[in-house]
Structure formats: C-alpha cells, structure tokens
Amino acid sequence: MKIIFFGTPPFSAYILEKLHASINVVAVVCPPNREKGRGRKIISPSVKLKAQEINIKVLQPNNLNDSYFIEELENLNADLFIVVAFRMLPEIVWRIPKKGCVNLHTSLLPNYRGAAPINRVLINGETQTGITTFFINENMDTGNIILQEKIELDNKITAANLHNIMMKNGADLLLETIDKITDNKADQVEQNIALTDKTAPKINKELLQIDWSQSVEKIHNLIRGLSPCLNDNTLLKDVAICPSAWFYLQAENDKQIRVKLLLSDFEVGTNSLEVGSIVTDNKTHLKITVNDGFISILQLQMEGKKAMDIKSFLAGFQINNKFRVC
C-alpha cells in the first residue's frame, strides 16, 4: 500500500519514522518553511527534516487547493493518506485516495474535538483520555472512528508527559489501523456528536495567566495542562502544546517580575493567610496561598532566565514577607 503522510511538528516526525520502518510512505506533505527570530532564520517543519533524513519526497504547498499541488498528489497514486497534527484538509484533497484519509486525534472522540485536546483534558482534570484513528470527512474531527486506545490519567501527569505517551502509542495505533484498512477489516463507528459538550479549542494567551482566586486543584490542573516538564530535570522543548502558565511576582518596591510556573504540586486545606501570600523557608520550598490550600512551586522560569528547580531559585533569590504573587 502506498501512503502519503501529512504532518508538521516533532510529534508527526516521530510517527513518520515509525511508520516508514513498516510501510511504503511515498511522500510527506507539510507547511512551507518559515522565518523565526530576530535574524529571520529559515526554519523547516520537523516532519520535513525527518522526511529528508529517511529520503522521502516532500511537498510544501502554500495553498492546499492549488491545482498543481492537487495534480502532484494524484500523480503519486497513493492508496491512503495519513494525517497527524496538520491543518484541516479541503475535500478536494481528502477524497483523492481510494482507501480514504485517516487522521490520528489525541483524545477519545467525540470528546475533545479541536486543536488542543492534550491541554484541555488536563486543564479540566479528566482521569481518562486516549487516542483515536478516524476517517476524515467535511467537518473537523467528526468522521467515522476506526480504532481507539484509552489512557488513564493521574493528577501528576503534565502536557509534556501526555504528549510523549500519545506520540508513542499513536504510532502503534496507526500501524494497526493501516493493517485493518489493508485487509479490508476496518470497522467504522459513526460519531454521535450530540453525546458530548467537551471540546478542545485552541489555547489563547488569556488562559495562560494564573488566577489565584480559583481552587487549588483548578490552578494545579492549569499548570500541568500547559507544562513542558517531563520530570524534575527535563523539559520538552519547542513544542507548541507547552506554553506554560505564568504569574507576576511582586516585590516590595511594587516591581512585577513575570514568572513561568513549569511544575507544581498542591495541598488542600483551610488556612488564614491572604490569597497570593508566599510561604517559604528560602531553602527548599515555596508555596502560594489560595482559598482552599497551597500551590507548591517545583520548577519555574524567571523572565529572560533559564528554567530551574525551586532549590536553585531560592539559592539565588531570597523572598521576604513583602513579596506576593498576582
């Protein structure tokens, strides 16, 4: 079976490499290169770099409806299109392959349709999510389901953790899906969109700032739902799903320092302290007071500085009772 693969980020690149080892990927479609930074350096999508590394043809259309691009796709005579972390395809594209066009989505559809399912399930405190393969149709994430795999969640898992779990499991689920399609054994289950109101809209900038008036669990879920931390010492870099929650640290001179809160823990309990006040021994721990408990900061990043754990931060930055968060 001949396959064309559509993707963009490192998530797609990893899956492309895993698929390439077992199936015939004849081309990769990804967005055009873009300029980045002050030096306007040209950056290629991760999936393009991986395709070039394993000698697969790359197509980078500016317009998915372009007639020349459509002709290129048709001339490749692929049996199946696979889509992983790419934009919505126009019907003129997804109707080309005779075996259909399959998307890998990082939720248990029909729950969390949309652009940010990894973030939204964690921000909402879900205890279960999963991955889904489905046939693309004219609407976003509404096509017939082929396979699903559940993933259990605890209240420690971060967006970075879940990203990597789904990346690895997703490759396996796609291979199983392709096998079923090849053997004409891909059972299809129609989605009932009316059964759920849980969606996954894109993360906007306003969501990133921590509101300390919210409950301790809600704040903790926001932090981990945006966190790039894989563990206490490793960050997942250059991944769009990990923008990080942030707050202002207000010093005694009223100067506000913007701080990304990368990793947290929490304690539920009543206290008599003002919301936003800081509890610390200036050596090993720093806690923020909220209405129903404390948020413990485990990793943070001051504006313009490197990420660090709380012990390293306190070794070089002393907090007194005039400091608070806002």
Foldseek 3Di string as FASTA:
>chain_A
DEEEEEAFAPLSLLLVVLVVVPDHHQEYEYAAWFFDDPVRDTHGTSNVVSCVVVVHHYDHDPDLPDPVNLVVVLVVQGQEYEYEHHDDHAPSPQVRHVLTYKYKDFWDPPAAFEDFSLLQCLLVPHQKTWMWIFGDDRDGPQGWTQDIDMDGDDNAAASQQSSVVCSVVVSVVVVVQVVCSVVVNRDTHGGDNVVDPHYHYDDDPVLQEADQQDDQSSRSSNQRSQAQDPDLPDGDPPDVRRPAHWWWKQALVRDTWIKGQHHKDWDFAADDDDFFFWDDPLAAWIWGDGHGTIITGQWMATVPGDIDGPRVVSVPDPDDRSIGID
